[in-house]
Amino acid sequence: MRCKACHYSLANLTEHRCPECGRAFDPNDPNTFEAPASSIGSIIRFCLRLAARAMIVAGSSLIATFLVVYFLTLQERRQIPSWVWRDEIYFNVLFNWPFSFVFVLVLYVLALRWLKKRPSDD
């Protein structure tokens, strides 16, 4: 359990008052302190966030791969029949997608770390 005002841990205190901010609490009344979040709920939230981030990275890398392969083969498509270059594009996308996935994943992780290191605007 934590203090509602300053989020200081109120576990194992002898006095029913927050040592950080002085706010009184009653261990028998959950309205006077913040109860810990359930571990199942936090695990589910973590998994949903992870899945959402994975979908963002996978989708972005797939789109990036399609665009790169499309524009790299633009000149070749003018010189060969369409049924040939369609097969080449599909092969190139399947072959190059893992590399693009890793590249986008690295960019995503670097962006997250940069955002965490930025000073807050408060």
PDB file of N, CA and C in Angstrom:
ATOM      1  N   MET A   1       0.847  -1.176   0.000  1.00  0.00           N
ATOM      2  CA  MET A   1       0.000   0.000   0.000  1.00  0.00           C
ATOM      3  C   MET A   1       0.885   1.229   0.000  1.00  0.00           C
ATOM      4  N   ARG A   2       0.367   2.291  -0.638  1.00  0.00           N
ATOM      5  CA  ARG A   2       1.142   3.520  -0.810  1.00  0.00           C
ATOM      6  C   ARG A   2       0.304   4.730  -0.404  1.00  0.00           C
ATOM      7  N   CYS A   3       0.999   5.791  -0.062  1.00  0.00           N
ATOM      8  CA  CYS A   3       0.343   7.037   0.322  1.00  0.00           C
ATOM      9  C   CYS A   3      -0.363   7.636  -0.887  1.00  0.00           C
ATOM     10  N   LYS A   4      -1.572   8.147  -0.672  1.00  0.00           N
ATOM     11  CA  LYS A   4      -2.317   8.754  -1.773  1.00  0.00           C
ATOM     12  C   LYS A   4      -1.689  10.056  -2.243  1.00  0.00           C
ATOM     13  N   ALA A   5      -1.030  10.771  -1.344  1.00  0.00           N
ATOM     14  CA  ALA A   5      -0.478  12.079  -1.701  1.00  0.00           C
ATOM     15  C   ALA A   5       0.879  11.979  -2.383  1.00  0.00           C
ATOM     16  N   CYS A   6       1.793  11.196  -1.798  1.00  0.00           N
ATOM     17  CA  CYS A   6       3.174  11.194  -2.311  1.00  0.00           C
ATOM     18  C   CYS A   6       3.628   9.828  -2.817  1.00  0.00           C
ATOM     19  N   HIS A   7       2.786   8.807  -2.712  1.00  0.00           N
ATOM     20  CA  HIS A   7       3.063   7.447  -3.193  1.00  0.00           C
ATOM     21  C   HIS A   7       4.200   6.767  -2.431  1.00  0.00           C
ATOM     22  N   TYR A   8       4.456   7.208  -1.217  1.00  0.00           N
ATOM     23  CA  TYR A   8       5.466   6.572  -0.370  1.00  0.00           C
ATOM     24  C   TYR A   8       4.928   5.224   0.115  1.00  0.00           C
ATOM     25  N   SER A   9       5.782   4.225   0.224  1.00  0.00           N
ATOM     26  CA  SER A   9       5.352   2.911   0.685  1.00  0.00           C
ATOM     27  C   SER A   9       4.993   2.972   2.169  1.00  0.00           C
ATOM     28  N   LEU A  10       3.788   2.508   2.485  1.00  0.00           N
ATOM     29  CA  LEU A  10       3.290   2.544   3.861  1.00  0.00           C
ATOM     30  C   LEU A  10       3.382   1.180   4.538  1.00  0.00           C
ATOM     31  N   ALA A  11       4.089   0.259   3.950  1.00  0.00           N
ATOM     32  CA  ALA A  11       4.204  -1.087   4.522  1.00  0.00           C
ATOM     33  C   ALA A  11       5.123  -1.069   5.737  1.00  0.00           C
ATOM     34  N   ASN A  12       4.763  -1.851   6.742  1.00  0.00           N
ATOM     35  CA  ASN A  12       5.564  -2.069   7.956  1.00  0.00           C
ATOM     36  C   ASN A  12       5.833  -0.796   8.764  1.00  0.00           C
ATOM     37  N   LEU A  13       4.897   0.129   8.773  1.00  0.00           N
ATOM     38  CA  LEU A  13       5.055   1.334   9.590  1.00  0.00           C
ATOM     39  C   LEU A  13       4.402   1.110  10.949  1.00  0.00           C
ATOM     40  N   THR A  14       4.995   1.649  11.990  1.00  0.00           N
ATOM     41  CA  THR A  14       4.409   1.514  13.335  1.00  0.00           C
ATOM     42  C   THR A  14       3.345   2.583  13.572  1.00  0.00           C
ATOM     43  N   GLU A  15       3.506   3.751  12.957  1.00  0.00           N
ATOM     44  CA  GLU A  15       2.543   4.835  13.103  1.00  0.00           C
ATOM     45  C   GLU A  15       1.698   4.915  11.838  1.00  0.00           C
ATOM     46  N   HIS A  16       0.417   5.252  11.961  1.00  0.00           N
ATOM     47  CA  HIS A  16      -0.485   5.328  10.813  1.00  0.00           C
ATOM     48  C   HIS A  16      -0.454   6.729  10.206  1.00  0.00           C
ATOM     49  N   ARG A  17       0.740   7.140   9.854  1.00  0.00           N
ATOM     50  CA  ARG A  17       0.958   8.439   9.232  1.00  0.00           C
ATOM     51  C   ARG A  17       2.134   8.277   8.259  1.00  0.00           C
ATOM     52  N   CYS A  18       2.013   8.888   7.096  1.00  0.00           N
ATOM     53  CA  CYS A  18       3.073   8.803   6.092  1.00  0.00           C
ATOM     54  C   CYS A  18       4.305   9.564   6.588  1.00  0.00           C
ATOM     55  N   PRO A  19       5.473   8.931   6.642  1.00  0.00           N
ATOM     56  CA  PRO A  19       6.681   9.631   7.094  1.00  0.00           C
ATOM     57  C   PRO A  19       7.184  10.664   6.080  1.00  0.00           C
ATOM     58  N   GLU A  20       6.749  10.538   4.843  1.00  0.00           N
ATOM     59  CA  GLU A  20       7.221  11.451   3.796  1.00  0.00           C
ATOM     60  C   GLU A  20       6.455  12.770   3.821  1.00  0.00           C
ATOM     61  N   CYS A  21       5.099  12.692   3.810  1.00  0.00           N
ATOM     62  CA  CYS A  21       4.298  13.919   3.706  1.00  0.00           C
ATOM     63  C   CYS A  21       3.438  14.184   4.944  1.00  0.00           C
ATOM     64  N   GLY A  22       3.317  13.209   5.852  1.00  0.00           N
ATOM     65  CA  GLY A  22       2.556  13.406   7.079  1.00  0.00           C
ATOM     66  C   GLY A  22       1.077  13.108   6.967  1.00  0.00           C
ATOM     67  N   ARG A  23       0.614  12.618   5.858  1.00  0.00           N
ATOM     68  CA  ARG A  23      -0.806  12.311   5.662  1.00  0.00           C
ATOM     69  C   ARG A  23      -1.179  11.081   6.491  1.00  0.00           C
ATOM     70  N   ALA A  24      -2.282  11.167   7.220  1.00  0.00           N
ATOM     71  CA  ALA A  24      -2.743  10.049   8.040  1.00  0.00           C
ATOM     72  C   ALA A  24      -3.477   9.029   7.168  1.00  0.00           C
ATOM     73  N   PHE A  25      -3.393   7.767   7.571  1.00  0.00           N
ATOM     74  CA  PHE A  25      -4.114   6.709   6.864  1.00  0.00           C
ATOM     75  C   PHE A  25      -4.570   5.668   7.867  1.00  0.00           C
ATOM     76  N   ASP A  26      -5.595   4.938   7.469  1.00  0.00           N
ATOM     77  CA  ASP A  26      -6.132   3.857   8.287  1.00  0.00           C
ATOM     78  C   ASP A  26      -5.924   2.557   7.515  1.00  0.00           C
ATOM     79  N   PRO A  27      -5.130   1.603   8.023  1.00  0.00           N
ATOM     80  CA  PRO A  27      -4.875   0.363   7.277  1.00  0.00           C
ATOM     81  C   PRO A  27      -6.133  -0.460   7.033  1.00  0.00           C
ATOM     82  N   ASN A  28      -7.193  -0.218   7.812  1.00  0.00           N
ATOM     83  CA  ASN A  28      -8.449  -0.956   7.630  1.00  0.00           C
ATOM     84  C   ASN A  28      -9.402  -0.263   6.669  1.00  0.00           C
ATOM     85  N   ASP A  29      -9.079   0.946   6.245  1.00  0.00           N
ATOM     86  CA  ASP A  29      -9.930   1.707   5.319  1.00  0.00           C
ATOM     87  C   ASP A  29      -9.181   1.924   4.004  1.00  0.00           C
ATOM     88  N   PRO A  30      -9.526   1.183   2.947  1.00  0.00           N
ATOM     89  CA  PRO A  30      -8.796   1.310   1.672  1.00  0.00           C
ATOM     90  C   PRO A  30      -8.953   2.665   0.994  1.00  0.00           C
ATOM     91  N   ASN A  31      -9.883   3.497   1.462  1.00  0.00           N
ATOM     92  CA  ASN A  31     -10.049   4.826   0.863  1.00  0.00           C
ATOM     93  C   ASN A  31      -8.978   5.804   1.325  1.00  0.00           C
ATOM     94  N   THR A  32      -8.198   5.451   2.330  1.00  0.00           N
ATOM     95  CA  THR A  32      -7.183   6.360   2.860  1.00  0.00           C
ATOM     96  C   THR A  32      -5.782   6.090   2.311  1.00  0.00           C
ATOM     97  N   PHE A  33      -5.620   5.084   1.487  1.00  0.00           N
ATOM     98  CA  PHE A  33      -4.321   4.772   0.883  1.00  0.00           C
ATOM     99  C   PHE A  33      -4.556   4.132  -0.479  1.00  0.00           C
ATOM    100  N   GLU A  34      -3.490   4.043  -1.263  1.00  0.00           N
ATOM    101  CA  GLU A  34      -3.575   3.393  -2.577  1.00  0.00           C
ATOM    102  C   GLU A  34      -3.247   1.925  -2.416  1.00  0.00           C
ATOM    103  N   ALA A  35      -4.187   1.086  -2.826  1.00  0.00           N
ATOM    104  CA  ALA A  35      -3.955  -0.359  -2.772  1.00  0.00           C
ATOM    105  C   ALA A  35      -3.060  -0.763  -3.937  1.00  0.00           C
ATOM    106  N   PRO A  36      -2.240  -1.788  -3.757  1.00  0.00           N
ATOM    107  CA  PRO A  36      -1.384  -2.231  -4.877  1.00  0.00           C
ATOM    108  C   PRO A  36      -2.229  -2.802  -6.010  1.00  0.00           C
ATOM    109  N   ALA A  37      -1.752  -2.607  -7.228  1.00  0.00           N
ATOM    110  CA  ALA A  37      -2.455  -3.146  -8.393  1.00  0.00           C
ATOM    111  C   ALA A  37      -2.347  -4.667  -8.384  1.00  0.00           C
ATOM    112  N   SER A  38      -3.386  -5.296  -8.880  1.00  0.00           N
ATOM    113  CA  SER A  38      -3.347  -6.760  -8.926  1.00  0.00           C
ATOM    114  C   SER A  38      -2.275  -7.210  -9.911  1.00  0.00           C
ATOM    115  N   SER A  39      -1.593  -8.272  -9.584  1.00  0.00           N
ATOM    116  CA  SER A  39      -0.499  -8.730 -10.445  1.00  0.00           C
ATOM    117  C   SER A  39      -1.025  -9.274 -11.772  1.00  0.00           C
ATOM    118  N   ILE A  40      -2.225  -9.876 -11.754  1.00  0.00           N
ATOM    119  CA  ILE A  40      -2.791 -10.399 -13.004  1.00  0.00           C
ATOM    120  C   ILE A  40      -3.102  -9.248 -13.954  1.00  0.00           C
ATOM    121  N   GLY A  41      -3.693  -8.189 -13.420  1.00  0.00           N
ATOM    122  CA  GLY A  41      -4.022  -7.038 -14.260  1.00  0.00           C
ATOM    123  C   GLY A  41      -2.784  -6.389 -14.848  1.00  0.00           C
ATOM    124  N   SER A  42      -1.731  -6.279 -14.053  1.00  0.00           N
ATOM    125  CA  SER A  42      -0.516  -5.661 -14.570  1.00  0.00           C
ATOM    126  C   SER A  42       0.169  -6.554 -15.595  1.00  0.00           C
ATOM    127  N   ILE A  43       0.076  -7.862 -15.425  1.00  0.00           N
ATOM    128  CA  ILE A  43       0.651  -8.788 -16.416  1.00  0.00           C
ATOM    129  C   ILE A  43      -0.111  -8.683 -17.736  1.00  0.00           C
ATOM    130  N   ILE A  44      -1.437  -8.611 -17.643  1.00  0.00           N
ATOM    131  CA  ILE A  44      -2.247  -8.495 -18.857  1.00  0.00           C
ATOM    132  C   ILE A  44      -1.957  -7.179 -19.568  1.00  0.00           C
ATOM    133  N   ARG A  45      -1.859  -6.071 -18.802  1.00  0.00           N
ATOM    134  CA  ARG A  45      -1.540  -4.777 -19.412  1.00  0.00           C
ATOM    135  C   ARG A  45      -0.168  -4.814 -20.072  1.00  0.00           C
ATOM    136  N   PHE A  46       0.799  -5.444 -19.416  1.00  0.00           N
ATOM    137  CA  PHE A  46       2.138  -5.555 -19.993  1.00  0.00           C
ATOM    138  C   PHE A  46       2.085  -6.334 -21.314  1.00  0.00           C
ATOM    139  N   CYS A  47       1.368  -7.447 -21.326  1.00  0.00           N
ATOM    140  CA  CYS A  47       1.270  -8.262 -22.548  1.00  0.00           C
ATOM    141  C   CYS A  47       0.570  -7.505 -23.669  1.00  0.00           C
ATOM    142  N   LEU A  48      -0.478  -6.747 -23.332  1.00  0.00           N
ATOM    143  CA  LEU A  48      -1.180  -5.976 -24.365  1.00  0.00           C
ATOM    144  C   LEU A  48      -0.287  -4.870 -24.933  1.00  0.00           C
ATOM    145  N   ARG A  49       0.461  -4.200 -24.061  1.00  0.00           N
ATOM    146  CA  ARG A  49       1.390  -3.175 -24.552  1.00  0.00           C
ATOM    147  C   ARG A  49       2.467  -3.789 -25.443  1.00  0.00           C
ATOM    148  N   LEU A  50       2.978  -4.934 -25.018  1.00  0.00           N
ATOM    149  CA  LEU A  50       4.007  -5.605 -25.805  1.00  0.00           C
ATOM    150  C   LEU A  50       3.461  -6.033 -27.173  1.00  0.00           C
ATOM    151  N   ALA A  51       2.245  -6.572 -27.190  1.00  0.00           N
ATOM    152  CA  ALA A  51       1.631  -6.990 -28.458  1.00  0.00           C
ATOM    153  C   ALA A  51       1.391  -5.787 -29.365  1.00  0.00           C
ATOM    154  N   ALA A  52       0.926  -4.679 -28.782  1.00  0.00           N
ATOM    155  CA  ALA A  52       0.686  -3.482 -29.591  1.00  0.00           C
ATOM    156  C   ALA A  52       1.988  -2.961 -30.190  1.00  0.00           C
ATOM    157  N   ARG A  53       3.044  -2.948 -29.384  1.00  0.00           N
ATOM    158  CA  ARG A  53       4.335  -2.482 -29.898  1.00  0.00           C
ATOM    159  C   ARG A  53       4.868  -3.417 -30.971  1.00  0.00           C
ATOM    160  N   ALA A  54       4.685  -4.710 -30.781  1.00  0.00           N
ATOM    161  CA  ALA A  54       5.144  -5.679 -31.788  1.00  0.00           C
ATOM    162  C   ALA A  54       4.394  -5.482 -33.100  1.00  0.00           C
ATOM    163  N   MET A  55       3.091  -5.224 -33.014  1.00  0.00           N
ATOM    164  CA  MET A  55       2.313  -5.005 -34.239  1.00  0.00           C
ATOM    165  C   MET A  55       2.745  -3.721 -34.936  1.00  0.00           C
ATOM    166  N   ILE A  56       3.062  -2.685 -34.155  1.00  0.00           N
ATOM    167  CA  ILE A  56       3.524  -1.428 -34.756  1.00  0.00           C
ATOM    168  C   ILE A  56       4.838  -1.653 -35.492  1.00  0.00           C
ATOM    169  N   VAL A  57       5.766  -2.345 -34.847  1.00  0.00           N
ATOM    170  CA  VAL A  57       7.079  -2.582 -35.462  1.00  0.00           C
ATOM    171  C   VAL A  57       6.941  -3.495 -36.677  1.00  0.00           C
ATOM    172  N   ALA A  58       6.179  -4.571 -36.548  1.00  0.00           N
ATOM    173  CA  ALA A  58       6.022  -5.509 -37.669  1.00  0.00           C
ATOM    174  C   ALA A  58       5.322  -4.841 -38.844  1.00  0.00           C
ATOM    175  N   GLY A  59       4.262  -4.113 -38.572  1.00  0.00           N
ATOM    176  CA  GLY A  59       3.541  -3.439 -39.646  1.00  0.00           C
ATOM    177  C   GLY A  59       4.376  -2.372 -40.318  1.00  0.00           C
ATOM    178  N   SER A  60       5.088  -1.590 -39.528  1.00  0.00           N
ATOM    179  CA  SER A  60       5.938  -0.539 -40.093  1.00  0.00           C
ATOM    180  C   SER A  60       7.043  -1.130 -40.960  1.00  0.00           C
ATOM    181  N   SER A  61       7.647  -2.204 -40.472  1.00  0.00           N
ATOM    182  CA  SER A  61       8.738  -2.796 -41.249  1.00  0.00           C
ATOM    183  C   SER A  61       8.219  -3.442 -42.529  1.00  0.00           C
ATOM    184  N   LEU A  62       7.034  -4.019 -42.480  1.00  0.00           N
ATOM    185  CA  LEU A  62       6.466  -4.618 -43.686  1.00  0.00           C
ATOM    186  C   LEU A  62       6.136  -3.540 -44.716  1.00  0.00           C
ATOM    187  N   ILE A  63       5.559  -2.448 -44.268  1.00  0.00           N
ATOM    188  CA  ILE A  63       5.254  -1.338 -45.186  1.00  0.00           C
ATOM    189  C   ILE A  63       6.540  -0.750 -45.753  1.00  0.00           C
ATOM    190  N   ALA A  64       7.540  -0.567 -44.893  1.00  0.00           N
ATOM    191  CA  ALA A  64       8.822  -0.024 -45.364  1.00  0.00           C
ATOM    192  C   ALA A  64       9.455  -0.946 -46.401  1.00  0.00           C
ATOM    193  N   THR A  65       9.386  -2.245 -46.167  1.00  0.00           N
ATOM    194  CA  THR A  65       9.963  -3.196 -47.117  1.00  0.00           C
ATOM    195  C   THR A  65       9.233  -3.149 -48.453  1.00  0.00           C
ATOM    196  N   PHE A  66       7.899  -3.117 -48.416  1.00  0.00           N
ATOM    197  CA  PHE A  66       7.129  -3.020 -49.653  1.00  0.00           C
ATOM    198  C   PHE A  66       7.515  -1.763 -50.434  1.00  0.00           C
ATOM    199  N   LEU A  67       7.625  -0.631 -49.741  1.00  0.00           N
ATOM    200  CA  LEU A  67       7.953   0.615 -50.429  1.00  0.00           C
ATOM    201  C   LEU A  67       9.363   0.588 -51.021  1.00  0.00           C
ATOM    202  N   VAL A  68      10.317   0.085 -50.259  1.00  0.00           N
ATOM    203  CA  VAL A  68      11.697   0.030 -50.758  1.00  0.00           C
ATOM    204  C   VAL A  68      11.786  -0.885 -51.972  1.00  0.00           C
ATOM    205  N   VAL A  69      11.222  -2.069 -51.880  1.00  0.00           N
ATOM    206  CA  VAL A  69      11.283  -3.006 -53.010  1.00  0.00           C
ATOM    207  C   VAL A  69      10.533  -2.456 -54.210  1.00  0.00           C
ATOM    208  N   TYR A  70       9.403  -1.819 -53.975  1.00  0.00           N
ATOM    209  CA  TYR A  70       8.611  -1.260 -55.081  1.00  0.00           C
ATOM    210  C   TYR A  70       9.417  -0.209 -55.838  1.00  0.00           C
ATOM    211  N   PHE A  71      10.031   0.717 -55.094  1.00  0.00           N
ATOM    212  CA  PHE A  71      10.760   1.784 -55.771  1.00  0.00           C
ATOM    213  C   PHE A  71      12.100   1.316 -56.336  1.00  0.00           C
ATOM    214  N   LEU A  72      12.703   0.291 -55.742  1.00  0.00           N
ATOM    215  CA  LEU A  72      13.954  -0.225 -56.302  1.00  0.00           C
ATOM    216  C   LEU A  72      13.721  -0.974 -57.607  1.00  0.00           C
ATOM    217  N   THR A  73      12.562  -1.568 -57.749  1.00  0.00           N
ATOM    218  CA  THR A  73      12.281  -2.327 -58.978  1.00  0.00           C
ATOM    219  C   THR A  73      11.482  -1.515 -59.987  1.00  0.00           C
ATOM    220  N   LEU A  74      11.300  -0.239 -59.755  1.00  0.00           N
ATOM    221  CA  LEU A  74      10.494   0.602 -60.649  1.00  0.00           C
ATOM    222  C   LEU A  74      11.084   0.646 -62.054  1.00  0.00           C
ATOM    223  N   GLN A  75      12.384   0.822 -62.154  1.00  0.00           N
ATOM    224  CA  GLN A  75      13.021   0.900 -63.477  1.00  0.00           C
ATOM    225  C   GLN A  75      12.964  -0.446 -64.184  1.00  0.00           C
ATOM    226  N   GLU A  76      13.176  -1.545 -63.457  1.00  0.00           N
ATOM    227  CA  GLU A  76      13.161  -2.869 -64.073  1.00  0.00           C
ATOM    228  C   GLU A  76      11.784  -3.234 -64.605  1.00  0.00           C
ATOM    229  N   ARG A  77      10.743  -2.779 -63.953  1.00  0.00           N
ATOM    230  CA  ARG A  77       9.391  -3.154 -64.367  1.00  0.00           C
ATOM    231  C   ARG A  77       9.019  -2.563 -65.718  1.00  0.00           C
ATOM    232  N   ARG A  78       9.650  -1.491 -66.089  1.00  0.00           N
ATOM    233  CA  ARG A  78       9.338  -0.885 -67.384  1.00  0.00           C
ATOM    234  C   ARG A  78       9.905  -1.703 -68.534  1.00  0.00           C
ATOM    235  N   GLN A  79      10.895  -2.547 -68.239  1.00  0.00           N
ATOM    236  CA  GLN A  79      11.573  -3.271 -69.299  1.00  0.00           C
ATOM    237  C   GLN A  79      11.170  -4.738 -69.394  1.00  0.00           C
ATOM    238  N   ILE A  80      10.471  -5.282 -68.419  1.00  0.00           N
ATOM    239  CA  ILE A  80      10.089  -6.695 -68.452  1.00  0.00           C
ATOM    240  C   ILE A  80       8.579  -6.829 -68.263  1.00  0.00           C
ATOM    241  N   PRO A  81       7.994  -7.950 -68.662  1.00  0.00           N
ATOM    242  CA  PRO A  81       6.539  -8.137 -68.536  1.00  0.00           C
ATOM    243  C   PRO A  81       6.093  -8.094 -67.067  1.00  0.00           C
ATOM    244  N   SER A  82       4.851  -7.692 -66.877  1.00  0.00           N
ATOM    245  CA  SER A  82       4.345  -7.488 -65.520  1.00  0.00           C
ATOM    246  C   SER A  82       4.291  -8.780 -64.715  1.00  0.00           C
ATOM    247  N   TRP A  83       4.009  -9.915 -65.337  1.00  0.00           N
ATOM    248  CA  TRP A  83       3.906 -11.153 -64.562  1.00  0.00           C
ATOM    249  C   TRP A  83       5.252 -11.558 -63.963  1.00  0.00           C
ATOM    250  N   VAL A  84       6.366 -11.104 -64.547  1.00  0.00           N
ATOM    251  CA  VAL A  84       7.690 -11.429 -64.022  1.00  0.00           C
ATOM    252  C   VAL A  84       8.007 -10.570 -62.804  1.00  0.00           C
ATOM    253  N   TRP A  85       7.806  -9.260 -62.911  1.00  0.00           N
ATOM    254  CA  TRP A  85       8.189  -8.395 -61.796  1.00  0.00           C
ATOM    255  C   TRP A  85       7.286  -8.560 -60.584  1.00  0.00           C
ATOM    256  N   ARG A  86       6.051  -8.987 -60.761  1.00  0.00           N
ATOM    257  CA  ARG A  86       5.195  -9.245 -59.589  1.00  0.00           C
ATOM    258  C   ARG A  86       5.790 -10.356 -58.731  1.00  0.00           C
ATOM    259  N   ASP A  87       6.238 -11.419 -59.361  1.00  0.00           N
ATOM    260  CA  ASP A  87       6.861 -12.515 -58.614  1.00  0.00           C
ATOM    261  C   ASP A  87       8.146 -12.062 -57.935  1.00  0.00           C
ATOM    262  N   GLU A  88       8.927 -11.233 -58.607  1.00  0.00           N
ATOM    263  CA  GLU A  88      10.158 -10.730 -58.006  1.00  0.00           C
ATOM    264  C   GLU A  88       9.879  -9.863 -56.795  1.00  0.00           C
ATOM    265  N   ILE A  89       8.858  -9.031 -56.871  1.00  0.00           N
ATOM    266  CA  ILE A  89       8.526  -8.170 -55.733  1.00  0.00           C
ATOM    267  C   ILE A  89       8.131  -9.020 -54.541  1.00  0.00           C
ATOM    268  N   TYR A  90       7.291 -10.018 -54.754  1.00  0.00           N
ATOM    269  CA  TYR A  90       6.869 -10.864 -53.636  1.00  0.00           C
ATOM    270  C   TYR A  90       8.069 -11.579 -53.015  1.00  0.00           C
ATOM    271  N   PHE A  91       8.972 -12.087 -53.843  1.00  0.00           N
ATOM    272  CA  PHE A  91      10.160 -12.758 -53.328  1.00  0.00           C
ATOM    273  C   PHE A  91      11.031 -11.784 -52.544  1.00  0.00           C
ATOM    274  N   ASN A  92      11.267 -10.592 -53.106  1.00  0.00           N
ATOM    275  CA  ASN A  92      12.113  -9.609 -52.436  1.00  0.00           C
ATOM    276  C   ASN A  92      11.526  -9.169 -51.104  1.00  0.00           C
ATOM    277  N   VAL A  93      10.212  -9.005 -51.047  1.00  0.00           N
ATOM    278  CA  VAL A  93       9.584  -8.601 -49.793  1.00  0.00           C
ATOM    279  C   VAL A  93       9.752  -9.700 -48.753  1.00  0.00           C
ATOM    280  N   LEU A  94       9.531 -10.941 -49.129  1.00  0.00           N
ATOM    281  CA  LEU A  94       9.682 -12.042 -48.177  1.00  0.00           C
ATOM    282  C   LEU A  94      11.130 -12.210 -47.732  1.00  0.00           C
ATOM    283  N   PHE A  95      12.061 -11.977 -48.637  1.00  0.00           N
ATOM    284  CA  PHE A  95      13.471 -12.141 -48.303  1.00  0.00           C
ATOM    285  C   PHE A  95      13.995 -10.980 -47.461  1.00  0.00           C
ATOM    286  N   ASN A  96      13.577  -9.764 -47.775  1.00  0.00           N
ATOM    287  CA  ASN A  96      14.127  -8.579 -47.110  1.00  0.00           C
ATOM    288  C   ASN A  96      13.360  -8.157 -45.865  1.00  0.00           C
ATOM    289  N   TRP A  97      12.180  -8.705 -45.634  1.00  0.00           N
ATOM    290  CA  TRP A  97      11.374  -8.266 -44.501  1.00  0.00           C
ATOM    291  C   TRP A  97      12.068  -8.458 -43.150  1.00  0.00           C
ATOM    292  N   PRO A  98      12.738  -9.577 -42.887  1.00  0.00           N
ATOM    293  CA  PRO A  98      13.398  -9.703 -41.580  1.00  0.00           C
ATOM    294  C   PRO A  98      14.438  -8.614 -41.322  1.00  0.00           C
ATOM    295  N   PHE A  99      15.174  -8.209 -42.348  1.00  0.00           N
ATOM    296  CA  PHE A  99      16.167  -7.147 -42.180  1.00  0.00           C
ATOM    297  C   PHE A  99      15.488  -5.818 -41.878  1.00  0.00           C
ATOM    298  N   SER A 100      14.416  -5.552 -42.589  1.00  0.00           N
ATOM    299  CA  SER A 100      13.663  -4.333 -42.344  1.00  0.00           C
ATOM    300  C   SER A 100      13.043  -4.353 -40.954  1.00  0.00           C
ATOM    301  N   PHE A 101      12.572  -5.520 -40.524  1.00  0.00           N
ATOM    302  CA  PHE A 101      11.966  -5.662 -39.191  1.00  0.00           C
ATOM    303  C   PHE A 101      12.987  -5.309 -38.114  1.00  0.00           C
ATOM    304  N   VAL A 102      14.195  -5.832 -38.232  1.00  0.00           N
ATOM    305  CA  VAL A 102      15.233  -5.552 -37.244  1.00  0.00           C
ATOM    306  C   VAL A 102      15.590  -4.063 -37.260  1.00  0.00           C
ATOM    307  N   PHE A 103      15.687  -3.481 -38.439  1.00  0.00           N
ATOM    308  CA  PHE A 103      16.009  -2.056 -38.548  1.00  0.00           C
ATOM    309  C   PHE A 103      14.940  -1.188 -37.881  1.00  0.00           C
ATOM    310  N   VAL A 104      13.666  -1.459 -38.154  1.00  0.00           N
ATOM    311  CA  VAL A 104      12.581  -0.681 -37.555  1.00  0.00           C
ATOM    312  C   VAL A 104      12.527  -0.926 -36.051  1.00  0.00           C
ATOM    313  N   LEU A 105      12.781  -2.149 -35.613  1.00  0.00           N
ATOM    314  CA  LEU A 105      12.792  -2.457 -34.186  1.00  0.00           C
ATOM    315  C   LEU A 105      13.879  -1.660 -33.462  1.00  0.00           C
ATOM    316  N   VAL A 106      15.053  -1.585 -34.055  1.00  0.00           N
ATOM    317  CA  VAL A 106      16.141  -0.817 -33.452  1.00  0.00           C
ATOM    318  C   VAL A 106      15.769   0.664 -33.382  1.00  0.00           C
ATOM    319  N   LEU A 107      15.190   1.199 -34.448  1.00  0.00           N
ATOM    320  CA  LEU A 107      14.756   2.593 -34.428  1.00  0.00           C
ATOM    321  C   LEU A 107      13.704   2.834 -33.351  1.00  0.00           C
ATOM    322  N   TYR A 108      12.785   1.900 -33.197  1.00  0.00           N
ATOM    323  CA  TYR A 108      11.729   2.024 -32.196  1.00  0.00           C
ATOM    324  C   TYR A 108      12.314   2.024 -30.781  1.00  0.00           C
ATOM    325  N   VAL A 109      13.232   1.117 -30.515  1.00  0.00           N
ATOM    326  CA  VAL A 109      13.857   1.043 -29.189  1.00  0.00           C
ATOM    327  C   VAL A 109      14.668   2.309 -28.910  1.00  0.00           C
ATOM    328  N   LEU A 110      15.403   2.794 -29.893  1.00  0.00           N
ATOM    329  CA  LEU A 110      16.168   4.022 -29.707  1.00  0.00           C
ATOM    330  C   LEU A 110      15.252   5.213 -29.445  1.00  0.00           C
ATOM    331  N   ALA A 111      14.126   5.266 -30.145  1.00  0.00           N
ATOM    332  CA  ALA A 111      13.172   6.358 -29.922  1.00  0.00           C
ATOM    333  C   ALA A 111      12.581   6.285 -28.518  1.00  0.00           C
ATOM    334  N   LEU A 112      12.258   5.087 -28.053  1.00  0.00           N
ATOM    335  CA  LEU A 112      11.722   4.937 -26.698  1.00  0.00           C
ATOM    336  C   LEU A 112      12.743   5.367 -25.653  1.00  0.00           C
ATOM    337  N   ARG A 113      13.993   4.980 -25.828  1.00  0.00           N
ATOM    338  CA  ARG A 113      15.034   5.375 -24.874  1.00  0.00           C
ATOM    339  C   ARG A 113      15.260   6.874 -24.895  1.00  0.00           C
ATOM    340  N   TRP A 114      15.213   7.475 -26.088  1.00  0.00           N
ATOM    341  CA  TRP A 114      15.386   8.910 -26.192  1.00  0.00           C
ATOM    342  C   TRP A 114      14.246   9.635 -25.489  1.00  0.00           C
ATOM    343  N   LEU A 115      13.023   9.140 -25.654  1.00  0.00           N
ATOM    344  CA  LEU A 115      11.874   9.776 -25.007  1.00  0.00           C
ATOM    345  C   LEU A 115      11.961   9.659 -23.487  1.00  0.00           C
ATOM    346  N   LYS A 116      12.484   8.550 -22.965  1.00  0.00           N
ATOM    347  CA  LYS A 116      12.609   8.388 -21.524  1.00  0.00           C
ATOM    348  C   LYS A 116      13.691   9.287 -20.948  1.00  0.00           C
ATOM    349  N   LYS A 117      14.733   9.584 -21.713  1.00  0.00           N
ATOM    350  CA  LYS A 117      15.847  10.389 -21.212  1.00  0.00           C
ATOM    351  C   LYS A 117      15.558  11.890 -21.294  1.00  0.00           C
ATOM    352  N   ARG A 118      14.586  12.278 -22.085  1.00  0.00           N
ATOM    353  CA  ARG A 118      14.263  13.703 -22.234  1.00  0.00           C
ATOM    354  C   ARG A 118      13.781  14.265 -20.909  1.00  0.00           C
ATOM    355  N   PRO A 119      14.194  15.477 -20.563  1.00  0.00           N
ATOM    356  CA  PRO A 119      13.685  16.091 -19.324  1.00  0.00           C
ATOM    357  C   PRO A 119      12.210  16.422 -19.499  1.00  0.00           C
ATOM    358  N   SER A 120      11.451  16.294 -18.426  1.00  0.00           N
ATOM    359  CA  SER A 120      10.029  16.572 -18.507  1.00  0.00           C
ATOM    360  C   SER A 120       9.790  18.069 -18.657  1.00  0.00           C
ATOM    361  N   ASP A 121       8.633  18.418 -19.191  1.00  0.00           N
ATOM    362  CA  ASP A 121       8.298  19.815 -19.446  1.00  0.00           C
ATOM    363  C   ASP A 121       7.639  20.484 -18.239  1.00  0.00           C
ATOM    364  N   ASP A 122       7.633  19.799 -17.079  1.00  0.00           N
ATOM    365  CA  ASP A 122       6.969  20.350 -15.884  1.00  0.00           C
ATOM    366  C   ASP A 122       7.667  21.573 -15.346  1.00  0.00           C
TER     367      ASP A 122
END
